[in-house]
């Protein structure tokens, strides 16, 4: 999914990152950063909202550690990507 970030740049999040848990692919660091931009949240804001250390969010945005599904769901809702835990894979995509 391509959309505009907060400064008008193109950001891209793979459709398989926007699915219910059983079909979900972990987003990469670029996708986490893109969702943060779409949400207009800093890493610090996300860490406060979900109750994790800001270093954890920094590791997600640097690709040092994958973001967990629950945290990704919160970020997706704030970014306007929807309640992804309810989404089936898009047509034409093979389920895992």
Protein backbone atom coordinates (compact mmCIF):
# COMPACT_ATOMS: atom_id res chain seq x y z
CA UNK A 1 0.00 0.00 0.00
CA UNK A 2 1.50 3.31 -1.03
CA UNK A 3 0.34 6.47 0.63
CA UNK A 4 1.60 9.92 1.50
CA UNK A 5 3.64 10.41 4.64
CA UNK A 6 3.38 13.49 6.80
CA UNK A 7 5.74 15.46 4.54
CA UNK A 8 4.29 14.26 1.22
CA UNK A 9 6.89 11.54 0.55
CA UNK A 10 5.76 8.17 -0.76
CA UNK A 11 5.72 5.41 1.82
CA UNK A 12 4.95 1.78 1.15
CA UNK A 13 3.60 -0.98 3.39
CA UNK A 14 3.20 -4.47 1.98
CA UNK A 15 -0.39 -5.80 2.00
CA UNK A 16 0.69 -8.94 3.85
CA UNK A 17 1.60 -6.71 6.81
CA UNK A 18 -2.02 -5.58 7.03
CA UNK A 19 -3.71 -8.92 7.74
CA UNK A 20 -5.09 -10.89 10.62
CA UNK A 21 -2.38 -12.54 12.74
CA UNK A 22 -2.57 -15.96 11.10
CA UNK A 23 -1.78 -14.46 7.68
CA UNK A 24 0.48 -11.66 8.87
CA UNK A 25 4.00 -10.91 7.69
CA UNK A 26 6.17 -8.89 10.05
CA UNK A 27 6.75 -5.37 8.76
CA UNK A 28 10.32 -4.33 8.12
CA UNK A 29 11.92 -1.24 9.63
CA UNK A 30 10.93 0.96 6.67
CA UNK A 31 7.31 -0.09 7.07
CA UNK A 32 7.34 0.64 10.80
CA UNK A 33 8.79 4.09 10.10
CA UNK A 34 6.21 4.65 7.35
CA UNK A 35 3.35 3.76 9.71
CA UNK A 36 4.77 6.11 12.34
CA UNK A 37 4.81 8.91 9.76
CA UNK A 38 1.26 8.11 8.67
CA UNK A 39 0.18 8.19 12.32
CA UNK A 40 2.05 11.46 12.89
CA UNK A 41 3.64 9.84 15.91
CA UNK A 42 7.23 9.88 17.04
CA UNK A 43 8.83 6.73 18.36
CA UNK A 44 8.59 8.27 21.82
CA UNK A 45 4.84 8.79 21.41
CA UNK A 46 4.33 5.17 20.34
CA UNK A 47 6.37 3.94 23.29
CA UNK A 48 4.23 5.98 25.71
CA UNK A 49 0.97 4.80 24.14
CA UNK A 50 1.79 1.09 24.28
CA UNK A 51 3.91 1.05 27.43
CA UNK A 52 7.27 -0.07 26.05
CA UNK A 53 10.70 1.46 26.43
CA UNK A 54 11.59 3.99 23.73
CA UNK A 55 14.70 1.89 22.99
CA UNK A 56 12.39 -0.95 21.93
CA UNK A 57 10.65 1.29 19.39
CA UNK A 58 14.03 2.50 18.17
CA UNK A 59 15.08 -1.13 17.61
CA UNK A 60 11.90 -1.68 15.57
CA UNK A 61 12.61 1.36 13.40
CA UNK A 62 16.23 0.35 12.88
CA UNK A 63 15.38 -3.25 12.02
CA UNK A 64 17.25 -4.64 15.02
CA UNK A 65 14.13 -6.31 16.42
CA UNK A 66 10.75 -7.14 14.82
CA UNK A 67 7.68 -5.29 16.08
CA UNK A 68 5.13 -7.54 17.78
CA UNK A 69 1.67 -7.96 16.30
CA UNK A 70 -0.26 -6.20 19.08
CA UNK A 71 1.95 -3.10 18.87
CA UNK A 72 1.70 -3.11 15.08
CA UNK A 73 -2.11 -3.24 15.35
CA UNK A 74 -2.14 -0.15 17.59
CA UNK A 75 0.12 1.68 15.17
CA UNK A 76 -2.00 0.67 12.16
CA UNK A 77 -5.19 1.95 13.76
CA UNK A 78 -3.57 5.30 14.54
CA UNK A 79 -2.12 5.48 11.02
CA UNK A 80 -5.58 5.01 9.51
CA UNK A 81 -4.79 1.58 8.11
CA UNK A 82 -7.73 -0.02 9.91
CA UNK A 83 -8.30 -2.76 12.42
CA UNK A 84 -6.00 -5.21 10.70
CA UNK A 85 -6.73 -8.07 13.09
CA UNK A 86 -10.07 -8.38 11.28
CA UNK A 87 -8.67 -8.37 7.71
CA UNK A 88 -8.40 -11.41 5.47
CA UNK A 89 -5.58 -11.53 2.90
CA UNK A 90 -6.27 -9.53 -0.26
CA UNK A 91 -7.61 -11.44 -3.23
CA UNK A 92 -4.86 -13.10 -5.23
CA UNK A 93 -2.54 -13.51 -2.27
CA UNK A 94 -1.83 -17.00 -1.09
CA UNK A 95 -2.44 -17.49 2.65
CA UNK A 96 0.50 -18.72 4.68
